[in-house]
Amino acid sequence: MPFVVGLTGGIGSGKSAVASAFAALGVEIADADVLAHRLSTPGQPGYAAIRAAFPDVELTPGGEIDRAKLRSRVFTDAAARVRLEGALHPLIAAAARREIAAWRGAYGITVVPLLLERGKLASAVDRILVVDCLEEAQVSRVVARSGMTPAEVRAIMATQSNREARLAAADDVIDNAGPPEAIAPQVASLDRRYRERAATADSGVLAR
């Protein structure tokens, strides 16, 4: 198996921006959110699993699952959220593991928002990288990009580990409290370190 870095962080922390910066350096990425979206399109196994778990799920005129309405439902109903995760998360984890197995680079990044909370991919990860920022910044970023209300964003945050717990679990941290251009230098530094660790892991020496 390749050397795998698990990239995580709360909603609005900047995981996608950090993953894009790694990708720009040629690092292979397996993104759980991208996989979830792909798996839940019509004809895919996640779509069937969601409709089986939620026979009354609302659809768009084109027959796709109305993600906004389903999201609103599961983040106000804990039982519904557990049902959705039970339907979708095993499929996402299996798809991510297949992508990881196909990597050919020195190391790769798997982006998993709930890596610490659910752990279905924890055993595939050699190192945990947390993207960190103030919780107020998380809220304002998500409101700006999605049109969700602050209360809706905080409802999602309440289902995730808090900032202190994420930082305690981190092997590495990217500080995303500043401007977007502050991400690339931090990613470049970690990229050098991960390539070194991947080479060490290949030699049989404990990488972590």
N, C-alpha and C. Protein backbone atom coordinates (compact mmCIF):
# COMPACT_ATOMS: atom_id res chain seq x y z
N MET A 1 0.84 -1.21 0.00
CA MET A 1 0.00 0.00 0.00
C MET A 1 0.87 1.25 0.00
N PRO A 2 0.42 2.31 -0.67
CA PRO A 2 1.18 3.56 -0.67
C PRO A 2 1.11 4.26 0.69
N PHE A 3 1.97 5.25 0.88
CA PHE A 3 1.93 6.08 2.07
C PHE A 3 0.74 7.03 1.94
N VAL A 4 -0.14 7.02 2.94
CA VAL A 4 -1.41 7.74 2.84
C VAL A 4 -1.51 8.79 3.94
N VAL A 5 -1.79 10.02 3.52
CA VAL A 5 -2.06 11.11 4.46
C VAL A 5 -3.56 11.36 4.49
N GLY A 6 -4.15 11.30 5.66
CA GLY A 6 -5.58 11.59 5.82
C GLY A 6 -5.78 13.07 6.09
N LEU A 7 -6.40 13.75 5.16
CA LEU A 7 -6.65 15.19 5.29
C LEU A 7 -8.06 15.41 5.82
N THR A 8 -8.18 16.12 6.93
CA THR A 8 -9.49 16.35 7.51
C THR A 8 -9.56 17.74 8.11
N GLY A 9 -10.75 18.11 8.54
CA GLY A 9 -11.00 19.43 9.12
C GLY A 9 -12.49 19.68 9.11
N GLY A 10 -12.92 20.65 9.88
CA GLY A 10 -14.34 20.95 9.95
C GLY A 10 -14.86 21.57 8.66
N ILE A 11 -16.16 21.63 8.53
CA ILE A 11 -16.78 22.27 7.38
C ILE A 11 -16.29 23.71 7.28
N GLY A 12 -15.93 24.14 6.08
CA GLY A 12 -15.47 25.50 5.88
C GLY A 12 -14.04 25.77 6.28
N SER A 13 -13.31 24.74 6.68
CA SER A 13 -11.92 24.95 7.13
C SER A 13 -10.96 25.16 5.97
N GLY A 14 -11.32 24.67 4.78
CA GLY A 14 -10.46 24.84 3.62
C GLY A 14 -9.84 23.56 3.11
N LYS A 15 -10.46 22.42 3.37
CA LYS A 15 -9.90 21.14 2.94
C LYS A 15 -9.73 21.07 1.43
N SER A 16 -10.72 21.56 0.69
CA SER A 16 -10.64 21.48 -0.78
C SER A 16 -9.50 22.32 -1.32
N ALA A 17 -9.29 23.50 -0.74
CA ALA A 17 -8.20 24.36 -1.19
C ALA A 17 -6.85 23.71 -0.91
N VAL A 18 -6.72 23.09 0.24
CA VAL A 18 -5.48 22.41 0.58
C VAL A 18 -5.26 21.21 -0.34
N ALA A 19 -6.30 20.43 -0.59
CA ALA A 19 -6.18 19.28 -1.49
C ALA A 19 -5.78 19.74 -2.88
N SER A 20 -6.34 20.85 -3.35
CA SER A 20 -5.99 21.37 -4.68
C SER A 20 -4.52 21.78 -4.73
N ALA A 21 -4.01 22.33 -3.62
CA ALA A 21 -2.60 22.72 -3.59
C ALA A 21 -1.69 21.49 -3.65
N PHE A 22 -2.07 20.41 -2.99
CA PHE A 22 -1.30 19.18 -3.10
C PHE A 22 -1.40 18.62 -4.52
N ALA A 23 -2.59 18.64 -5.10
CA ALA A 23 -2.77 18.13 -6.45
C ALA A 23 -1.92 18.90 -7.46
N ALA A 24 -1.75 20.21 -7.23
CA ALA A 24 -0.93 21.03 -8.12
C ALA A 24 0.53 20.59 -8.09
N LEU A 25 0.93 19.89 -7.04
CA LEU A 25 2.29 19.36 -6.93
C LEU A 25 2.39 17.93 -7.44
N GLY A 26 1.31 17.44 -8.04
CA GLY A 26 1.31 16.09 -8.61
C GLY A 26 0.92 15.00 -7.65
N VAL A 27 0.37 15.37 -6.50
CA VAL A 27 -0.03 14.37 -5.51
C VAL A 27 -1.41 13.83 -5.86
N GLU A 28 -1.55 12.52 -5.77
CA GLU A 28 -2.84 11.88 -6.06
C GLU A 28 -3.80 12.09 -4.88
N ILE A 29 -5.07 12.31 -5.22
CA ILE A 29 -6.08 12.65 -4.21
C ILE A 29 -7.26 11.69 -4.32
N ALA A 30 -7.72 11.20 -3.17
CA ALA A 30 -9.00 10.47 -3.09
C ALA A 30 -9.88 11.26 -2.13
N ASP A 31 -10.94 11.86 -2.66
CA ASP A 31 -11.77 12.78 -1.89
C ASP A 31 -13.12 12.13 -1.58
N ALA A 32 -13.41 11.95 -0.30
CA ALA A 32 -14.64 11.27 0.10
C ALA A 32 -15.88 12.02 -0.38
N ASP A 33 -15.85 13.35 -0.36
CA ASP A 33 -17.01 14.11 -0.81
C ASP A 33 -17.23 13.93 -2.31
N VAL A 34 -16.15 13.92 -3.08
CA VAL A 34 -16.27 13.69 -4.53
C VAL A 34 -16.83 12.29 -4.78
N LEU A 35 -16.34 11.33 -4.05
CA LEU A 35 -16.82 9.95 -4.21
C LEU A 35 -18.28 9.85 -3.82
N ALA A 36 -18.68 10.52 -2.74
CA ALA A 36 -20.08 10.49 -2.31
C ALA A 36 -20.99 11.05 -3.38
N HIS A 37 -20.57 12.15 -3.98
CA HIS A 37 -21.36 12.76 -5.05
C HIS A 37 -21.49 11.80 -6.23
N ARG A 38 -20.38 11.19 -6.61
CA ARG A 38 -20.38 10.28 -7.76
C ARG A 38 -21.24 9.05 -7.47
N LEU A 39 -21.10 8.50 -6.28
CA LEU A 39 -21.83 7.28 -5.94
C LEU A 39 -23.33 7.48 -5.82
N SER A 40 -23.75 8.72 -5.53
CA SER A 40 -25.17 8.96 -5.30
C SER A 40 -25.89 9.52 -6.53
N THR A 41 -25.25 9.46 -7.69
CA THR A 41 -25.93 9.84 -8.93
C THR A 41 -26.75 8.66 -9.44
N PRO A 42 -27.79 8.92 -10.23
CA PRO A 42 -28.64 7.84 -10.73
C PRO A 42 -27.83 6.74 -11.42
N GLY A 43 -28.16 5.52 -11.10
CA GLY A 43 -27.48 4.38 -11.68
C GLY A 43 -26.30 3.88 -10.86
N GLN A 44 -25.90 4.64 -9.85
CA GLN A 44 -24.77 4.24 -9.02
C GLN A 44 -25.27 3.59 -7.72
N PRO A 45 -24.43 2.77 -7.08
CA PRO A 45 -24.90 2.02 -5.90
C PRO A 45 -25.34 2.90 -4.74
N GLY A 46 -24.71 4.07 -4.58
CA GLY A 46 -25.10 4.96 -3.50
C GLY A 46 -26.49 5.53 -3.69
N TYR A 47 -26.85 5.76 -4.94
CA TYR A 47 -28.19 6.27 -5.25
C TYR A 47 -29.24 5.26 -4.80
N ALA A 48 -29.00 3.99 -5.15
CA ALA A 48 -29.93 2.94 -4.75
C ALA A 48 -29.97 2.78 -3.23
N ALA A 49 -28.81 2.90 -2.60
CA ALA A 49 -28.75 2.74 -1.14
C ALA A 49 -29.50 3.86 -0.43
N ILE A 50 -29.37 5.09 -0.94
CA ILE A 50 -30.07 6.22 -0.32
C ILE A 50 -31.57 6.08 -0.51
N ARG A 51 -31.99 5.69 -1.69
CA ARG A 51 -33.44 5.55 -1.94
C ARG A 51 -34.03 4.39 -1.13
N ALA A 52 -33.21 3.37 -0.87
CA ALA A 52 -33.70 2.27 -0.03
C ALA A 52 -33.83 2.73 1.42
N ALA A 53 -32.87 3.55 1.86
CA ALA A 53 -32.90 4.03 3.24
C ALA A 53 -33.94 5.13 3.45
N PHE A 54 -34.22 5.88 2.37
CA PHE A 54 -35.18 6.99 2.43
C PHE A 54 -36.14 6.88 1.24
N PRO A 55 -37.13 6.01 1.33
CA PRO A 55 -38.04 5.84 0.20
C PRO A 55 -38.76 7.13 -0.20
N ASP A 56 -38.88 8.06 0.74
CA ASP A 56 -39.58 9.31 0.46
C ASP A 56 -38.62 10.45 0.12
N VAL A 57 -37.35 10.14 -0.16
CA VAL A 57 -36.38 11.19 -0.44
C VAL A 57 -36.85 12.01 -1.65
N GLU A 58 -36.68 13.32 -1.56
CA GLU A 58 -37.11 14.20 -2.64
C GLU A 58 -36.08 14.20 -3.77
N LEU A 59 -36.59 14.22 -5.00
CA LEU A 59 -35.74 14.20 -6.18
C LEU A 59 -35.88 15.51 -6.95
N THR A 60 -34.86 15.81 -7.74
CA THR A 60 -34.93 16.97 -8.63
C THR A 60 -35.75 16.59 -9.85
N PRO A 61 -36.14 17.55 -10.68
CA PRO A 61 -36.88 17.21 -11.90
C PRO A 61 -36.12 16.24 -12.81
N GLY A 62 -34.80 16.25 -12.71
CA GLY A 62 -34.00 15.34 -13.53
C GLY A 62 -33.82 13.97 -12.92
N GLY A 63 -34.44 13.72 -11.77
CA GLY A 63 -34.37 12.40 -11.15
C GLY A 63 -33.21 12.21 -10.19
N GLU A 64 -32.42 13.25 -9.97
CA GLU A 64 -31.32 13.14 -9.01
C GLU A 64 -31.84 13.40 -7.60
N ILE A 65 -31.10 12.92 -6.62
CA ILE A 65 -31.46 13.17 -5.24
C ILE A 65 -31.28 14.66 -4.95
N ASP A 66 -32.27 15.26 -4.32
CA ASP A 66 -32.17 16.67 -3.95
C ASP A 66 -31.26 16.76 -2.73
N ARG A 67 -29.99 17.06 -2.97
CA ARG A 67 -28.99 17.00 -1.92
C ARG A 67 -29.24 18.04 -0.83
N ALA A 68 -29.66 19.22 -1.24
CA ALA A 68 -29.88 20.27 -0.25
C ALA A 68 -30.98 19.88 0.74
N LYS A 69 -32.06 19.32 0.22
CA LYS A 69 -33.15 18.93 1.10
C LYS A 69 -32.78 17.73 1.96
N LEU A 70 -32.03 16.80 1.39
CA LEU A 70 -31.60 15.65 2.19
C LEU A 70 -30.62 16.10 3.27
N ARG A 71 -29.71 17.01 2.93
CA ARG A 71 -28.77 17.53 3.92
C ARG A 71 -29.49 18.22 5.06
N SER A 72 -30.48 19.05 4.72
CA SER A 72 -31.25 19.74 5.75
C SER A 72 -31.96 18.74 6.66
N ARG A 73 -32.43 17.68 6.07
CA ARG A 73 -33.15 16.66 6.84
C ARG A 73 -32.22 15.93 7.81
N VAL A 74 -31.06 15.50 7.33
CA VAL A 74 -30.22 14.66 8.18
C VAL A 74 -29.50 15.46 9.26
N PHE A 75 -29.32 16.75 9.04
CA PHE A 75 -28.64 17.53 10.07
C PHE A 75 -29.60 18.12 11.09
N THR A 76 -30.87 17.82 10.95
CA THR A 76 -31.83 18.17 11.99
C THR A 76 -32.46 16.93 12.62
N ASP A 77 -32.04 15.76 12.16
CA ASP A 77 -32.60 14.50 12.63
C ASP A 77 -31.45 13.50 12.77
N ALA A 78 -31.01 13.26 14.00
CA ALA A 78 -29.84 12.41 14.23
C ALA A 78 -30.06 10.99 13.71
N ALA A 79 -31.27 10.47 13.86
CA ALA A 79 -31.55 9.11 13.39
C ALA A 79 -31.44 9.03 11.88
N ALA A 80 -31.91 10.07 11.20
CA ALA A 80 -31.81 10.11 9.73
C ALA A 80 -30.35 10.20 9.31
N ARG A 81 -29.55 10.96 10.04
CA ARG A 81 -28.13 11.07 9.70
C ARG A 81 -27.43 9.72 9.84
N VAL A 82 -27.72 9.02 10.91
CA VAL A 82 -27.13 7.70 11.11
C VAL A 82 -27.55 6.76 9.98
N ARG A 83 -28.81 6.85 9.57
CA ARG A 83 -29.31 5.99 8.48
C ARG A 83 -28.60 6.30 7.17
N LEU A 84 -28.40 7.58 6.88
CA LEU A 84 -27.71 7.95 5.65
C LEU A 84 -26.25 7.50 5.69
N GLU A 85 -25.59 7.71 6.81
CA GLU A 85 -24.19 7.30 6.92
C GLU A 85 -24.06 5.78 6.79
N GLY A 86 -25.00 5.05 7.36
CA GLY A 86 -24.96 3.60 7.25
C GLY A 86 -25.13 3.13 5.82
N ALA A 87 -25.91 3.86 5.04
CA ALA A 87 -26.14 3.49 3.64
C ALA A 87 -24.95 3.85 2.76
N LEU A 88 -24.34 4.99 3.01
CA LEU A 88 -23.38 5.55 2.07
C LEU A 88 -21.92 5.36 2.47
N HIS A 89 -21.62 5.44 3.75
CA HIS A 89 -20.21 5.44 4.16
C HIS A 89 -19.45 4.17 3.80
N PRO A 90 -20.04 2.97 3.92
CA PRO A 90 -19.27 1.78 3.50
C PRO A 90 -18.92 1.81 2.02
N LEU A 91 -19.81 2.34 1.20
CA LEU A 91 -19.54 2.44 -0.24
C LEU A 91 -18.43 3.44 -0.51
N ILE A 92 -18.45 4.56 0.21
CA ILE A 92 -17.41 5.59 0.04
C ILE A 92 -16.06 5.03 0.46
N ALA A 93 -16.02 4.36 1.60
CA ALA A 93 -14.75 3.81 2.09
C ALA A 93 -14.18 2.79 1.11
N ALA A 94 -15.04 1.94 0.57
CA ALA A 94 -14.56 0.93 -0.38
C ALA A 94 -14.03 1.59 -1.65
N ALA A 95 -14.73 2.61 -2.14
CA ALA A 95 -14.29 3.32 -3.35
C ALA A 95 -12.96 4.04 -3.10
N ALA A 96 -12.83 4.65 -1.91
CA ALA A 96 -11.57 5.34 -1.59
C ALA A 96 -10.42 4.35 -1.52
N ARG A 97 -10.64 3.21 -0.93
CA ARG A 97 -9.58 2.20 -0.84
C ARG A 97 -9.18 1.71 -2.23
N ARG A 98 -10.13 1.60 -3.14
CA ARG A 98 -9.78 1.20 -4.51
C ARG A 98 -8.91 2.27 -5.18
N GLU A 99 -9.27 3.54 -4.98
CA GLU A 99 -8.46 4.61 -5.56
C GLU A 99 -7.06 4.61 -4.96
N ILE A 100 -6.98 4.45 -3.65
CA ILE A 100 -5.68 4.44 -2.98
C ILE A 100 -4.81 3.31 -3.51
N ALA A 101 -5.39 2.14 -3.71
CA ALA A 101 -4.63 0.99 -4.19
C ALA A 101 -4.06 1.23 -5.59
N ALA A 102 -4.68 2.14 -6.34
CA ALA A 102 -4.23 2.42 -7.71
C ALA A 102 -3.20 3.54 -7.79
N TRP A 103 -2.92 4.20 -6.66
CA TRP A 103 -1.94 5.30 -6.68
C TRP A 103 -0.57 4.77 -7.09
N ARG A 104 0.17 5.64 -7.78
CA ARG A 104 1.51 5.28 -8.22
C ARG A 104 2.57 6.28 -7.74
N GLY A 105 2.16 7.36 -7.07
CA GLY A 105 3.11 8.35 -6.58
C GLY A 105 3.76 7.93 -5.28
N ALA A 106 4.66 8.79 -4.79
CA ALA A 106 5.35 8.51 -3.54
C ALA A 106 4.38 8.42 -2.37
N TYR A 107 3.37 9.26 -2.42
CA TYR A 107 2.34 9.25 -1.38
C TYR A 107 1.08 9.87 -1.98
N GLY A 108 -0.02 9.78 -1.24
CA GLY A 108 -1.26 10.40 -1.68
C GLY A 108 -2.04 10.96 -0.51
N ILE A 109 -3.05 11.73 -0.85
CA ILE A 109 -3.91 12.38 0.14
C ILE A 109 -5.32 11.83 0.01
N THR A 110 -5.90 11.39 1.11
CA THR A 110 -7.32 11.06 1.11
C THR A 110 -8.04 12.09 1.98
N VAL A 111 -9.00 12.76 1.38
CA VAL A 111 -9.74 13.84 2.04
C VAL A 111 -10.99 13.23 2.65
N VAL A 112 -11.08 13.24 3.98
CA VAL A 112 -12.20 12.61 4.68
C VAL A 112 -12.70 13.55 5.77
N PRO A 113 -13.80 14.26 5.54
CA PRO A 113 -14.29 15.20 6.55
C PRO A 113 -14.53 14.55 7.91
N LEU A 114 -15.01 13.30 7.92
CA LEU A 114 -15.33 12.64 9.19
C LEU A 114 -14.32 11.55 9.53
N LEU A 115 -13.07 11.77 9.15
CA LEU A 115 -12.03 10.78 9.43
C LEU A 115 -11.93 10.46 10.91
N LEU A 116 -11.99 11.47 11.75
CA LEU A 116 -11.85 11.28 13.20
C LEU A 116 -13.14 10.81 13.84
N GLU A 117 -14.26 11.25 13.28
CA GLU A 117 -15.55 10.94 13.90
C GLU A 117 -16.05 9.54 13.58
N ARG A 118 -15.83 9.06 12.36
CA ARG A 118 -16.41 7.77 11.97
C ARG A 118 -15.34 6.70 11.79
N GLY A 119 -14.19 7.06 11.24
CA GLY A 119 -13.04 6.17 11.25
C GLY A 119 -13.05 5.02 10.26
N LYS A 120 -13.95 5.01 9.28
CA LYS A 120 -13.98 3.88 8.36
C LYS A 120 -12.72 3.81 7.48
N LEU A 121 -12.01 4.92 7.34
CA LEU A 121 -10.78 4.92 6.57
C LEU A 121 -9.55 5.11 7.45
N ALA A 122 -9.75 5.13 8.75
CA ALA A 122 -8.63 5.39 9.66
C ALA A 122 -7.51 4.37 9.50
N SER A 123 -7.86 3.12 9.26
CA SER A 123 -6.85 2.08 9.15
C SER A 123 -6.03 2.19 7.87
N ALA A 124 -6.53 2.98 6.90
CA ALA A 124 -5.80 3.16 5.64
C ALA A 124 -4.85 4.34 5.69
N VAL A 125 -4.85 5.08 6.80
CA VAL A 125 -4.11 6.34 6.89
C VAL A 125 -2.85 6.17 7.73
N ASP A 126 -1.73 6.68 7.21
CA ASP A 126 -0.46 6.63 7.93
C ASP A 126 -0.22 7.89 8.76
N ARG A 127 -0.87 8.98 8.36
CA ARG A 127 -0.62 10.26 9.03
C ARG A 127 -1.87 11.12 8.88
N ILE A 128 -2.17 11.91 9.92
CA ILE A 128 -3.36 12.76 9.91
C ILE A 128 -2.96 14.22 9.78
N LEU A 129 -3.51 14.87 8.75
CA LEU A 129 -3.27 16.29 8.51
C LEU A 129 -4.58 17.04 8.72
N VAL A 130 -4.58 17.98 9.64
CA VAL A 130 -5.78 18.75 9.95
C VAL A 130 -5.63 20.17 9.40
N VAL A 131 -6.67 20.63 8.71
CA VAL A 131 -6.75 22.03 8.28
C VAL A 131 -7.50 22.78 9.37
N ASP A 132 -6.87 23.82 9.89
CA ASP A 132 -7.40 24.50 11.07
C ASP A 132 -7.69 25.97 10.81
N CYS A 133 -8.78 26.44 11.39
CA CYS A 133 -9.09 27.87 11.41
C CYS A 133 -10.09 28.10 12.54
N LEU A 134 -10.34 29.35 12.86
CA LEU A 134 -11.32 29.67 13.89
C LEU A 134 -12.71 29.22 13.46
N GLU A 135 -13.52 28.82 14.43
CA GLU A 135 -14.87 28.36 14.11
C GLU A 135 -15.70 29.47 13.48
N GLU A 136 -15.47 30.72 13.89
CA GLU A 136 -16.20 31.84 13.29
C GLU A 136 -15.89 31.94 11.80
N ALA A 137 -14.65 31.66 11.43
CA ALA A 137 -14.28 31.69 10.01
C ALA A 137 -14.96 30.56 9.25
N GLN A 138 -15.07 29.39 9.87
CA GLN A 138 -15.79 28.29 9.23
C GLN A 138 -17.21 28.71 8.86
N VAL A 139 -17.90 29.30 9.83
CA VAL A 139 -19.29 29.69 9.61
C VAL A 139 -19.39 30.72 8.49
N SER A 140 -18.58 31.76 8.55
CA SER A 140 -18.69 32.83 7.56
C SER A 140 -18.35 32.33 6.16
N ARG A 141 -17.39 31.44 6.04
CA ARG A 141 -17.02 30.91 4.72
C ARG A 141 -18.14 30.07 4.12
N VAL A 142 -18.74 29.22 4.94
CA VAL A 142 -19.80 28.35 4.40
C VAL A 142 -21.04 29.17 4.04
N VAL A 143 -21.38 30.15 4.87
CA VAL A 143 -22.52 31.01 4.56
C VAL A 143 -22.28 31.74 3.25
N ALA A 144 -21.06 32.24 3.03
CA ALA A 144 -20.74 32.99 1.83
C ALA A 144 -20.81 32.14 0.57
N ARG A 145 -20.39 30.87 0.68
CA ARG A 145 -20.30 30.06 -0.53
C ARG A 145 -21.59 29.28 -0.82
N SER A 146 -22.40 29.03 0.21
CA SER A 146 -23.52 28.12 0.02
C SER A 146 -24.89 28.75 0.20
N GLY A 147 -24.93 29.90 0.88
CA GLY A 147 -26.23 30.50 1.17
C GLY A 147 -26.93 29.89 2.37
N MET A 148 -26.27 28.95 3.03
CA MET A 148 -26.84 28.39 4.25
C MET A 148 -26.86 29.45 5.34
N THR A 149 -27.71 29.30 6.30
CA THR A 149 -27.75 30.23 7.43
C THR A 149 -26.67 29.84 8.44
N PRO A 150 -26.23 30.78 9.28
CA PRO A 150 -25.27 30.42 10.32
C PRO A 150 -25.76 29.29 11.21
N ALA A 151 -27.05 29.27 11.51
CA ALA A 151 -27.59 28.20 12.35
C ALA A 151 -27.46 26.85 11.67
N GLU A 152 -27.69 26.80 10.36
CA GLU A 152 -27.55 25.54 9.62
C GLU A 152 -26.10 25.07 9.62
N VAL A 153 -25.18 26.01 9.45
CA VAL A 153 -23.76 25.64 9.47
C VAL A 153 -23.37 25.11 10.84
N ARG A 154 -23.82 25.78 11.88
CA ARG A 154 -23.46 25.33 13.23
C ARG A 154 -24.09 23.98 13.55
N ALA A 155 -25.25 23.69 12.97
CA ALA A 155 -25.86 22.37 13.16
C ALA A 155 -24.97 21.28 12.57
N ILE A 156 -24.36 21.57 11.43
CA ILE A 156 -23.43 20.61 10.83
C ILE A 156 -22.18 20.49 11.69
N MET A 157 -21.67 21.63 12.13
CA MET A 157 -20.46 21.62 12.97
C MET A 157 -20.68 20.82 14.25
N ALA A 158 -21.90 20.84 14.76
CA ALA A 158 -22.19 20.12 16.00
C ALA A 158 -22.08 18.61 15.83
N THR A 159 -22.14 18.12 14.59
CA THR A 159 -22.01 16.68 14.33
C THR A 159 -20.56 16.28 14.11
N GLN A 160 -19.65 17.26 14.08
CA GLN A 160 -18.25 17.00 13.83
C GLN A 160 -17.44 17.19 15.12
N SER A 161 -16.23 16.65 15.13
CA SER A 161 -15.34 16.89 16.26
C SER A 161 -15.09 18.38 16.40
N ASN A 162 -14.89 18.84 17.62
CA ASN A 162 -14.59 20.26 17.79
C ASN A 162 -13.12 20.52 17.45
N ARG A 163 -12.79 21.78 17.40
CA ARG A 163 -11.45 22.18 16.98
C ARG A 163 -10.37 21.57 17.87
N GLU A 164 -10.58 21.60 19.17
CA GLU A 164 -9.59 21.09 20.10
C GLU A 164 -9.33 19.60 19.89
N ALA A 165 -10.39 18.83 19.65
CA ALA A 165 -10.24 17.39 19.45
C ALA A 165 -9.49 17.10 18.15
N ARG A 166 -9.79 17.87 17.11
CA ARG A 166 -9.07 17.66 15.84
C ARG A 166 -7.59 17.95 16.00
N LEU A 167 -7.27 19.05 16.65
CA LEU A 167 -5.86 19.41 16.81
C LEU A 167 -5.12 18.39 17.69
N ALA A 168 -5.81 17.85 18.68
CA ALA A 168 -5.19 16.83 19.54
C ALA A 168 -4.87 15.56 18.76
N ALA A 169 -5.67 15.27 17.73
CA ALA A 169 -5.47 14.04 16.95
C ALA A 169 -4.50 14.23 15.79
N ALA A 170 -4.14 15.47 15.50
CA ALA A 170 -3.35 15.76 14.30
C ALA A 170 -1.89 15.38 14.44
N ASP A 171 -1.33 14.82 13.37
CA ASP A 171 0.12 14.68 13.26
C ASP A 171 0.71 15.96 12.67
N ASP A 172 -0.05 16.59 11.77
CA ASP A 172 0.38 17.82 11.12
C ASP A 172 -0.82 18.75 11.03
N VAL A 173 -0.55 20.05 10.98
CA VAL A 173 -1.62 21.05 10.91
C VAL A 173 -1.28 22.09 9.85
N ILE A 174 -2.27 22.44 9.04
CA ILE A 174 -2.17 23.59 8.15
C ILE A 174 -3.03 24.70 8.73
N ASP A 175 -2.43 25.84 8.96
CA ASP A 175 -3.14 27.00 9.50
C ASP A 175 -3.79 27.74 8.34
N ASN A 176 -5.11 27.68 8.28
CA ASN A 176 -5.84 28.36 7.21
C ASN A 176 -6.63 29.55 7.76
N ALA A 177 -6.09 30.21 8.75
CA ALA A 177 -6.73 31.39 9.30
C ALA A 177 -6.45 32.63 8.46
N GLY A 178 -5.41 32.55 7.63
CA GLY A 178 -4.99 33.70 6.85
C GLY A 178 -5.54 33.71 5.44
N PRO A 179 -4.90 34.47 4.55
CA PRO A 179 -5.36 34.56 3.16
C PRO A 179 -5.10 33.27 2.39
N PRO A 180 -5.80 33.05 1.28
CA PRO A 180 -5.63 31.82 0.50
C PRO A 180 -4.19 31.55 0.08
N GLU A 181 -3.44 32.62 -0.21
CA GLU A 181 -2.06 32.42 -0.69
C GLU A 181 -1.14 31.88 0.39
N ALA A 182 -1.59 31.85 1.63
CA ALA A 182 -0.76 31.30 2.70
C ALA A 182 -0.77 29.77 2.70
N ILE A 183 -1.65 29.16 1.92
CA ILE A 183 -1.75 27.70 1.91
C ILE A 183 -0.58 27.05 1.18
N ALA A 184 -0.24 27.55 0.00
CA ALA A 184 0.75 26.89 -0.86
C ALA A 184 2.10 26.68 -0.19
N PRO A 185 2.67 27.68 0.52
CA PRO A 185 3.97 27.43 1.17
C PRO A 185 3.90 26.33 2.22
N GLN A 186 2.81 26.28 2.96
CA GLN A 186 2.67 25.23 3.97
C GLN A 186 2.56 23.86 3.31
N VAL A 187 1.81 23.80 2.21
CA VAL A 187 1.66 22.53 1.48
C VAL A 187 2.99 22.09 0.89
N ALA A 188 3.75 23.03 0.34
CA ALA A 188 5.05 22.68 -0.24
C ALA A 188 5.99 22.10 0.82
N SER A 189 5.98 22.68 2.01
CA SER A 189 6.82 22.16 3.10
C SER A 189 6.40 20.75 3.49
N LEU A 190 5.08 20.53 3.62
CA LEU A 190 4.60 19.21 3.98
C LEU A 190 4.85 18.20 2.87
N ASP A 191 4.74 18.63 1.63
CA ASP A 191 5.00 17.74 0.50
C ASP A 191 6.42 17.18 0.57
N ARG A 192 7.38 18.04 0.86
CA ARG A 192 8.77 17.57 0.98
C ARG A 192 8.89 16.56 2.13
N ARG A 193 8.24 16.87 3.24
CA ARG A 193 8.31 15.99 4.40
C ARG A 193 7.64 14.64 4.12
N TYR A 194 6.49 14.68 3.45
CA TYR A 194 5.78 13.43 3.17
C TYR A 194 6.54 12.55 2.17
N ARG A 195 7.20 13.18 1.22
CA ARG A 195 7.99 12.39 0.27
C ARG A 195 9.15 11.70 1.00
N GLU A 196 9.74 12.40 1.95
CA GLU A 196 10.80 11.79 2.74
C GLU A 196 10.26 10.64 3.59
N ARG A 197 9.11 10.84 4.21
CA ARG A 197 8.52 9.81 5.06
C ARG A 197 8.09 8.60 4.23
N ALA A 198 7.58 8.87 3.02
CA ALA A 198 7.17 7.76 2.16
C ALA A 198 8.38 6.91 1.78
N ALA A 199 9.51 7.57 1.51
CA ALA A 199 10.72 6.83 1.19
C ALA A 199 11.20 6.03 2.39
N THR A 200 11.07 6.61 3.57
CA THR A 200 11.45 5.90 4.80
C THR A 200 10.55 4.70 5.02
N ALA A 201 9.24 4.89 4.77
CA ALA A 201 8.30 3.78 4.94
C ALA A 201 8.63 2.66 3.97
N ASP A 202 9.02 3.00 2.73
CA ASP A 202 9.38 1.97 1.75
C ASP A 202 10.60 1.16 2.19
N SER A 203 11.45 1.81 2.99
CA SER A 203 12.66 1.11 3.44
C SER A 203 12.39 0.21 4.64
N GLY A 204 11.13 0.26 5.14
CA GLY A 204 10.76 -0.60 6.26
C GLY A 204 10.89 0.05 7.61
N VAL A 205 11.25 1.32 7.66
CA VAL A 205 11.35 2.05 8.91
C VAL A 205 10.01 2.69 9.23
N LEU A 206 9.60 2.67 10.49
CA LEU A 206 8.32 3.24 10.88
C LEU A 206 8.25 4.70 10.46
N ALA A 207 7.20 5.08 9.72
CA ALA A 207 7.12 6.41 9.14
C ALA A 207 6.52 7.43 10.08
N ARG A 208 5.73 7.01 11.00
CA ARG A 208 4.98 7.97 11.80
C ARG A 208 5.78 8.48 12.97
